[in-house]
C-alpha atoms as a PDB file:
ATOM      1  CA  MET A   1      -0.962  68.095 136.496  1.00  0.00           C
ATOM      2  CA  GLU A   2       1.595  65.703 135.071  1.00  0.00           C
ATOM      3  CA  LYS A   3       1.534  67.438 131.672  1.00  0.00           C
ATOM      4  CA  ILE A   4       1.820  70.896 133.255  1.00  0.00           C
ATOM      5  CA  ARG A   5       4.743  69.729 135.366  1.00  0.00           C
ATOM      6  CA  CYS A   6       6.310  68.251 132.267  1.00  0.00           C
ATOM      7  CA  HIS A   7       6.091  71.527 130.339  1.00  0.00           C
ATOM      8  CA  ILE A   8       7.600  73.420 133.298  1.00  0.00           C
ATOM      9  CA  ASN A   9      10.457  70.929 133.646  1.00  0.00           C
ATOM     10  CA  PHE A  10      11.098  71.033 129.906  1.00  0.00           C
ATOM     11  CA  ALA A  11      11.464  74.810 129.981  1.00  0.00           C
ATOM     12  CA  HIS A  12      14.302  74.421 132.513  1.00  0.00           C
ATOM     13  CA  ALA A  13      15.898  71.372 130.906  1.00  0.00           C
ATOM     14  CA  GLU A  14      17.598  72.965 127.920  1.00  0.00           C
ATOM     15  CA  ASP A  15      21.043  71.820 129.071  1.00  0.00           C
ATOM     16  CA  ASN A  16      19.986  68.348 130.141  1.00  0.00           C
ATOM     17  CA  LEU A  17      19.240  66.105 127.146  1.00  0.00           C
ATOM     18  CA  ASP A  18      18.202  63.106 129.254  1.00  0.00           C
ATOM     19  CA  GLU A  19      15.740  65.227 131.214  1.00  0.00           C
ATOM     20  CA  ARG A  20      14.304  66.629 127.983  1.00  0.00           C
ATOM     21  CA  ARG A  21      13.813  63.148 126.559  1.00  0.00           C
ATOM     22  CA  GLU A  22      12.104  61.971 129.747  1.00  0.00           C
ATOM     23  CA  CYS A  23       9.835  65.004 129.629  1.00  0.00           C
ATOM     24  CA  TRP A  24       8.888  64.470 125.996  1.00  0.00           C
ATOM     25  CA  CYS A  25       7.982  60.868 126.760  1.00  0.00           C
ATOM     26  CA  LYS A  26       5.040  62.214 128.741  1.00  0.00           C
ATOM     27  CA  MET A  27       3.792  64.515 125.992  1.00  0.00           C
ATOM     28  CA  ASP A  28       1.177  63.784 123.353  1.00  0.00           C
ATOM     29  CA  ILE A  29       1.539  62.761 119.722  1.00  0.00           C
ATOM     30  CA  TYR A  30      -1.094  64.399 117.537  1.00  0.00           C
ATOM     31  CA  VAL A  31      -2.131  62.483 114.412  1.00  0.00           C
ATOM     32  CA  LYS A  32      -4.345  63.836 111.637  1.00  0.00           C
ATOM     33  CA  PRO A  33      -5.195  61.032 109.178  1.00  0.00           C
ATOM     34  CA  LYS A  34      -6.437  61.866 105.703  1.00  0.00           C
ATOM     35  CA  LYS A  35      -9.681  60.463 104.364  1.00  0.00           C
ATOM     36  CA  LYS A  36      -8.020  59.199 101.200  1.00  0.00           C
ATOM     37  CA  ALA A  37      -4.384  58.612 100.303  1.00  0.00           C
ATOM     38  CA  ALA A  38      -3.072  57.693  96.852  1.00  0.00           C
ATOM     39  CA  ILE A  39       0.341  56.033  96.948  1.00  0.00           C
ATOM     40  CA  VAL A  40       2.422  55.059  93.926  1.00  0.00           C
ATOM     41  CA  GLY A  41       5.460  52.804  93.782  1.00  0.00           C
ATOM     42  CA  LYS A  42       5.864  52.024  97.506  1.00  0.00           C
ATOM     43  CA  LYS A  43       5.886  48.587  99.098  1.00  0.00           C
ATOM     44  CA  ASP A  44       5.794  49.725 102.721  1.00  0.00           C
ATOM     45  CA  ILE A  45       3.133  52.230 103.789  1.00  0.00           C
ATOM     46  CA  THR A  46       4.062  54.366 106.791  1.00  0.00           C
ATOM     47  CA  VAL A  47       2.140  56.762 109.015  1.00  0.00           C
ATOM     48  CA  LYS A  48       3.575  59.712 107.094  1.00  0.00           C
ATOM     49  CA  ASP A  49       1.942  58.444 103.894  1.00  0.00           C
ATOM     50  CA  ILE A  50      -1.594  58.695 105.268  1.00  0.00           C
ATOM     51  CA  ALA A  51      -1.435  61.239 108.098  1.00  0.00           C
ATOM     52  CA  ASP A  52       0.145  64.419 109.408  1.00  0.00           C
ATOM     53  CA  VAL A  53       1.961  64.027 112.704  1.00  0.00           C
ATOM     54  CA  PHE A  54       2.881  66.643 115.293  1.00  0.00           C
ATOM     55  CA  ALA A  55       5.175  66.007 118.258  1.00  0.00           C
ATOM     56  CA  GLU A  56       8.699  66.724 119.446  1.00  0.00           C
ATOM     57  CA  PRO A  57      10.916  66.566 116.300  1.00  0.00           C
ATOM     58  CA  GLU A  58      12.672  63.327 117.262  1.00  0.00           C
ATOM     59  CA  ILE A  59       9.447  61.625 118.322  1.00  0.00           C
ATOM     60  CA  GLN A  60       7.608  62.967 115.282  1.00  0.00           C
ATOM     61  CA  LYS A  61      10.219  61.528 112.936  1.00  0.00           C
ATOM     62  CA  ARG A  62       9.984  58.114 114.578  1.00  0.00           C
ATOM     63  CA  ALA A  63       6.177  58.184 114.560  1.00  0.00           C
ATOM     64  CA  GLU A  64       6.047  59.145 110.880  1.00  0.00           C
ATOM     65  CA  SER A  65       8.320  56.245 109.932  1.00  0.00           C
ATOM     66  CA  VAL A  66       6.163  53.603 111.649  1.00  0.00           C
ATOM     67  CA  LYS A  67       5.107  50.972 109.101  1.00  0.00           C
ATOM     68  CA  LEU A  68       1.370  50.322 108.829  1.00  0.00           C
ATOM     69  CA  LEU A  69       1.129  47.733 106.050  1.00  0.00           C
ATOM     70  CA  THR A  70       3.060  46.077 103.246  1.00  0.00           C
ATOM     71  CA  THR A  71       1.610  46.046  99.738  1.00  0.00           C
ATOM     72  CA  GLY A  72       3.835  43.402  98.214  1.00  0.00           C
ATOM     73  CA  GLY A  73       4.189  45.528  95.091  1.00  0.00           C
ATOM     74  CA  LYS A  74       0.577  44.965  94.035  1.00  0.00           C
ATOM     75  CA  ASP A  75      -2.229  47.371  93.205  1.00  0.00           C
ATOM     76  CA  GLY A  76      -5.086  47.492  95.644  1.00  0.00           C
ATOM     77  CA  VAL A  77      -7.329  49.456  97.958  1.00  0.00           C
ATOM     78  CA  HIS A  78      -6.934  49.120 101.716  1.00  0.00           C
ATOM     79  CA  LEU A  79      -8.727  50.550 104.732  1.00  0.00           C
ATOM     80  CA  VAL A  80      -6.605  51.825 107.616  1.00  0.00           C
ATOM     81  CA  SER A  81      -8.464  52.861 110.767  1.00  0.00           C
ATOM     82  CA  ILE A  82      -7.188  55.174 113.480  1.00  0.00           C
ATOM     83  CA  ILE A  83      -7.042  52.112 115.748  1.00  0.00           C
ATOM     84  CA  ASP A  84      -4.463  50.557 113.403  1.00  0.00           C
ATOM     85  CA  VAL A  85      -2.434  53.786 113.456  1.00  0.00           C
ATOM     86  CA  VAL A  86      -2.530  54.085 117.260  1.00  0.00           C
ATOM     87  CA  LYS A  87      -1.560  50.429 117.756  1.00  0.00           C
ATOM     88  CA  ALA A  88       1.368  50.729 115.339  1.00  0.00           C
ATOM     89  CA  ILE A  89       2.678  53.932 116.932  1.00  0.00           C
ATOM     90  CA  LEU A  90       2.363  52.637 120.494  1.00  0.00           C
ATOM     91  CA  ALA A  91       4.117  49.411 119.517  1.00  0.00           C
ATOM     92  CA  THR A  92       7.119  51.491 118.448  1.00  0.00           C
ATOM     93  CA  LEU A  93       6.765  54.309 120.981  1.00  0.00           C
ATOM     94  CA  PRO A  94       5.263  52.821 124.153  1.00  0.00           C
ATOM     95  CA  GLY A  95       4.324  55.187 126.942  1.00  0.00           C
ATOM     96  CA  HIS A  96       3.113  57.966 124.669  1.00  0.00           C
ATOM     97  CA  SER A  97      -0.391  59.320 124.268  1.00  0.00           C
ATOM     98  CA  VAL A  98      -1.676  59.382 120.668  1.00  0.00           C
ATOM     99  CA  ILE A  99      -4.465  61.880 119.966  1.00  0.00           C
ATOM    100  CA  ASN A 100      -6.477  61.738 116.746  1.00  0.00           C
ATOM    101  CA  VAL A 101      -7.483  65.112 115.258  1.00  0.00           C
ATOM    102  CA  GLY A 102      -8.454  63.846 111.813  1.00  0.00           C
ATOM    103  CA  GLU A 103     -10.430  61.122 110.089  1.00  0.00           C
ATOM    104  CA  MET A 104     -11.389  57.851 111.729  1.00  0.00           C
ATOM    105  CA  ASP A 105     -10.748  55.768 108.595  1.00  0.00           C
ATOM    106  CA  THR A 106      -8.410  56.252 105.638  1.00  0.00           C
ATOM    107  CA  VAL A 107      -8.852  54.711 102.195  1.00  0.00           C
ATOM    108  CA  VAL A 108      -5.387  53.861 100.858  1.00  0.00           C
ATOM    109  CA  SER A 109      -5.264  53.458  97.075  1.00  0.00           C
ATOM    110  CA  ILE A 110      -2.034  51.779  95.994  1.00  0.00           C
ATOM    111  CA  LYS A 111      -0.510  51.688  92.514  1.00  0.00           C
ATOM    112  CA  ALA A 112       2.609  49.617  91.990  1.00  0.00           C
ATOM    113  CA  GLN A 113       3.567  51.636  88.912  1.00  0.00           C
ATOM    114  CA  PRO A 114       2.658  55.206  87.952  1.00  0.00           C
ATOM    115  CA  PRO A 115      -0.102  55.279  85.320  1.00  0.00           C
ATOM    116  CA  LYS A 116       1.042  55.930  81.775  1.00  0.00           C
ATOM    117  CA  LYS A 117       0.069  59.299  80.367  1.00  0.00           C
ATOM    118  CA  TRP A 118      -1.116  59.438  76.780  1.00  0.00           C
ATOM    119  CA  ALA A 119      -1.477  63.019  75.526  1.00  0.00           C
ATOM    120  CA  ALA A 120      -3.522  61.964  72.493  1.00  0.00           C
ATOM    121  CA  MET A 121      -5.959  59.962  74.637  1.00  0.00           C
ATOM    122  CA  LYS A 122      -6.315  62.872  77.052  1.00  0.00           C
ATOM    123  CA  TRP A 123      -7.260  65.334  74.318  1.00  0.00           C
ATOM    124  CA  LEU A 124      -9.575  62.769  72.739  1.00  0.00           C
ATOM    125  CA  LYS A 125     -11.426  62.431  76.060  1.00  0.00           C
ATOM    126  CA  VAL A 126     -11.630  66.222  76.415  1.00  0.00           C
ATOM    127  CA  ALA A 127     -13.031  66.563  72.894  1.00  0.00           C
ATOM    128  CA  LEU A 128     -15.561  63.759  73.420  1.00  0.00           C
ATOM    129  CA  VAL A 129     -16.774  65.116  76.780  1.00  0.00           C
ATOM    130  CA  SER A 130     -16.977  68.667  75.386  1.00  0.00           C
ATOM    131  CA  LEU A 131     -19.023  67.448  72.419  1.00  0.00           C
ATOM    132  CA  ILE A 132     -21.427  65.539  74.664  1.00  0.00           C
ATOM    133  CA  LEU A 133     -21.834  68.476  77.065  1.00  0.00           C
ATOM    134  CA  PHE A 134     -22.294  70.998  74.269  1.00  0.00           C
ATOM    135  CA  THR A 135     -24.854  68.841  72.473  1.00  0.00           C
ATOM    136  CA  GLY A 136     -26.737  68.106  75.685  1.00  0.00           C
ATOM    137  CA  ALA A 137     -26.814  71.754  76.778  1.00  0.00           C
ATOM    138  CA  MET A 138     -27.889  72.899  73.327  1.00  0.00           C
ATOM    139  CA  THR A 139     -30.683  70.327  73.211  1.00  0.00           C
ATOM    140  CA  ALA A 140     -31.880  71.219  76.709  1.00  0.00           C
ATOM    141  CA  ILE A 141     -31.999  74.960  75.942  1.00  0.00           C
ATOM    142  CA  MET A 142     -33.816  74.476  72.631  1.00  0.00           C
ATOM    143  CA  THR A 143     -36.391  72.064  74.032  1.00  0.00           C
ATOM    144  CA  PHE A 144     -37.027  74.401  76.987  1.00  0.00           C
ATOM    145  CA  HIS A 145     -37.659  77.348  74.674  1.00  0.00           C
ATOM    146  CA  THR A 146     -39.848  75.211  72.425  1.00  0.00           C
ATOM    147  CA  ASP A 147     -41.961  73.900  75.307  1.00  0.00           C
ATOM    148  CA  SER A 148     -42.371  77.347  76.836  1.00  0.00           C
ATOM    149  CA  GLN A 149     -43.025  78.958  73.414  1.00  0.00           C
ATOM    150  CA  MET A 150     -40.431  81.606  74.116  1.00  0.00           C
ATOM    151  CA  GLY A 151     -40.551  82.873  70.533  1.00  0.00           C
ATOM    152  CA  THR A 152     -44.264  83.644  70.818  1.00  0.00           C
ATOM    153  CA  VAL A 153     -43.694  85.348  74.168  1.00  0.00           C
ATOM    154  CA  PHE A 154     -41.046  87.634  72.642  1.00  0.00           C
ATOM    155  CA  GLN A 155     -43.372  88.494  69.766  1.00  0.00           C
ATOM    156  CA  ARG A 156     -46.065  89.505  72.240  1.00  0.00           C
ATOM    157  CA  TYR A 157     -43.546  91.553  74.238  1.00  0.00           C
ATOM    158  CA  TYR A 158     -42.605  93.407  71.049  1.00  0.00           C
ATOM    159  CA  THR A 159     -46.253  94.053  70.227  1.00  0.00           C
ATOM    160  CA  ILE A 160     -46.947  95.351  73.760  1.00  0.00           C
ATOM    161  CA  PHE A 161     -43.979  97.734  73.888  1.00  0.00           C
ATOM    162  CA  PHE A 162     -43.695  98.825  70.224  1.00  0.00           C
ATOM    163  CA  GLY A 163     -47.297  98.514  68.997  1.00  0.00           C
ATOM    164  CA  GLU A 164     -46.610  96.336  65.965  1.00  0.00           C
ATOM    165  CA  GLU A 165     -46.248  92.635  65.182  1.00  0.00           C
ATOM    166  CA  VAL A 166     -43.006  91.196  63.823  1.00  0.00           C
ATOM    167  CA  GLU A 167     -41.965  87.611  63.208  1.00  0.00           C
ATOM    168  CA  ARG A 168     -38.431  88.007  64.616  1.00  0.00           C
ATOM    169  CA  PRO A 169     -38.094  90.673  67.328  1.00  0.00           C
ATOM    170  CA  TYR A 170     -34.289  90.930  67.242  1.00  0.00           C
ATOM    171  CA  ILE A 171     -34.307  93.827  69.682  1.00  0.00           C
ATOM    172  CA  ILE A 172     -35.479  91.323  72.325  1.00  0.00           C
ATOM    173  CA  ASN A 173     -33.866  88.132  71.005  1.00  0.00           C
ATOM    174  CA  ILE A 174     -30.299  89.497  70.918  1.00  0.00           C
ATOM    175  CA  PRO A 175     -30.188  90.936  74.492  1.00  0.00           C
ATOM    176  CA  TYR A 176     -31.843  87.761  75.760  1.00  0.00           C
ATOM    177  CA  SER A 177     -29.211  85.572  74.085  1.00  0.00           C
ATOM    178  CA  ILE A 178     -26.383  87.706  75.488  1.00  0.00           C
ATOM    179  CA  GLY A 179     -27.937  87.658  78.948  1.00  0.00           C
ATOM    180  CA  LEU A 180     -28.321  83.880  78.781  1.00  0.00           C
ATOM    181  CA  ALA A 181     -24.613  83.456  77.989  1.00  0.00           C
ATOM    182  CA  VAL A 182     -23.548  85.926  80.709  1.00  0.00           C
ATOM    183  CA  GLY A 183     -25.795  84.189  83.237  1.00  0.00           C
ATOM    184  CA  ILE A 184     -24.231  80.814  82.469  1.00  0.00           C
ATOM    185  CA  ILE A 185     -20.711  82.270  82.789  1.00  0.00           C
ATOM    186  CA  VAL A 186     -21.498  83.928  86.127  1.00  0.00           C
ATOM    187  CA  PHE A 187     -23.248  80.831  87.475  1.00  0.00           C
ATOM    188  CA  PHE A 188     -20.399  78.470  86.602  1.00  0.00           C
ATOM    189  CA  ASN A 189     -17.796  81.076  87.654  1.00  0.00           C
ATOM    190  CA  HIS A 190     -15.512  80.448  84.678  1.00  0.00           C
ATOM    191  CA  PHE A 191     -14.721  82.234  81.453  1.00  0.00           C
ATOM    192  CA  SER A 192     -11.976  81.167  79.050  1.00  0.00           C
ATOM    193  CA  GLY A 193     -10.211  79.182  81.765  1.00  0.00           C
ATOM    194  CA  LYS A 194     -10.277  82.066  84.259  1.00  0.00           C
ATOM    195  CA  ARG A 195     -12.107  82.038  87.567  1.00  0.00           C
ATOM    196  CA  LEU A 196     -14.300  85.087  88.188  1.00  0.00           C
ATOM    197  CA  THR A 197     -14.290  84.731  91.984  1.00  0.00           C
ATOM    198  CA  LYS A 198     -12.376  82.651  94.536  1.00  0.00           C
ATOM    199  CA  GLU A 199     -15.465  80.724  95.558  1.00  0.00           C
ATOM    200  CA  PRO A 200     -15.818  77.125  94.333  1.00  0.00           C
ATOM    201  CA  THR A 201     -17.975  76.671  91.266  1.00  0.00           C
ATOM    202  CA  PRO A 202     -21.218  74.639  91.344  1.00  0.00           C
ATOM    203  CA  ILE A 203     -19.466  71.880  89.412  1.00  0.00           C
ATOM    204  CA  GLU A 204     -16.620  71.793  91.959  1.00  0.00           C
ATOM    205  CA  VAL A 205     -19.131  71.628  94.796  1.00  0.00           C
ATOM    206  CA  GLU A 206     -20.966  68.743  93.126  1.00  0.00           C
ATOM    207  CA  MET A 207     -17.683  66.951  92.396  1.00  0.00           C
ATOM    208  CA  ALA A 208     -16.568  67.352  96.027  1.00  0.00           C
ATOM    209  CA  THR A 209     -19.910  65.973  97.212  1.00  0.00           C
ATOM    210  CA  TYR A 210     -19.650  63.080  94.763  1.00  0.00           C
ATOM    211  CA  GLU A 211     -16.090  62.255  95.849  1.00  0.00           C
ATOM    212  CA  LYS A 212     -17.127  62.347  99.509  1.00  0.00           C
ATOM    213  CA  ASP A 213     -20.036  59.978  98.821  1.00  0.00           C
ATOM    214  CA  VAL A 214     -17.728  57.627  96.899  1.00  0.00           C
ATOM    215  CA  GLU A 215     -15.157  57.623  99.705  1.00  0.00           C
ATOM    216  CA  ASP A 216     -17.851  56.920 102.295  1.00  0.00           C
ATOM    217  CA  ALA A 217     -19.175  54.059 100.159  1.00  0.00           C
ATOM    218  CA  VAL A 218     -15.672  52.602  99.737  1.00  0.00           C
ATOM    219  CA  ILE A 219     -15.032  52.823 103.491  1.00  0.00           C
ATOM    220  CA  GLU A 220     -18.320  51.071 104.238  1.00  0.00           C
ATOM    221  CA  SER A 221     -17.616  48.378 101.645  1.00  0.00           C
ATOM    222  CA  LEU A 222     -14.091  47.719 102.944  1.00  0.00           C
ATOM    223  CA  SER A 223     -15.379  47.678 106.514  1.00  0.00           C
ATOM    224  CA  ARG A 224     -17.923  45.000 105.607  1.00  0.00           C
ATOM    225  CA  GLN A 225     -15.243  42.959 103.842  1.00  0.00           C
ATOM    226  CA  GLY A 226     -13.060  43.239 106.932  1.00  0.00           C
ATOM    227  CA  GLU A 227     -15.881  42.060 109.187  1.00  0.00           C
ATOM    228  CA  LYS A 228     -16.589  39.097 106.927  1.00  0.00           C
ATOM    229  CA  GLY A 229     -12.907  38.177 106.907  1.00  0.00           C
ATOM    230  CA  LYS A 230     -12.750  37.972 110.702  1.00  0.00           C
END
């Protein structure tokens, strides 16, 4: 009832700034923390750096500027829980109600200086990874066909359908090779840097799952370190 009365009073308090401020003091502050935040070149980490905030503009600005921790200009990884965020906001804005609509814990990765970018090293990594992937895929495909005796199967197919035996049935080998390439392109949803559909690719799904598992492991590890430090 108090919130409903507040909204009604606020609608009729456009000309009374003090009444509007009193009304807003009874309204909620919604906070949506991220699961991971990467921050570069900042000594003081505020709520805005790790979470989205929604409230009355003046209150929102004050809540976003609340300081959560100081890095001291050093690299590191910190764990900020929603309890830390709520305590910090209420210490600056007492009397408000803070509602969490996001993550319970946030992993804050801090870099004192932006990492240096080396174009040559980047392309060298791309070339090395491409070579490894190409060699691995090629080896896997060849060993699969060798184990399954695909060549002999194609020869038998040719004999069944055309009534004669040939050593290299190109009329089957060529369409099969094209179909294999098309199947790989469709499955991975990429061709020459272009996405075929808007859906995430299997690699993107696996990478998202991997990143989620890593973040969960980091949160658990930092939580244990925090418990030991108490």
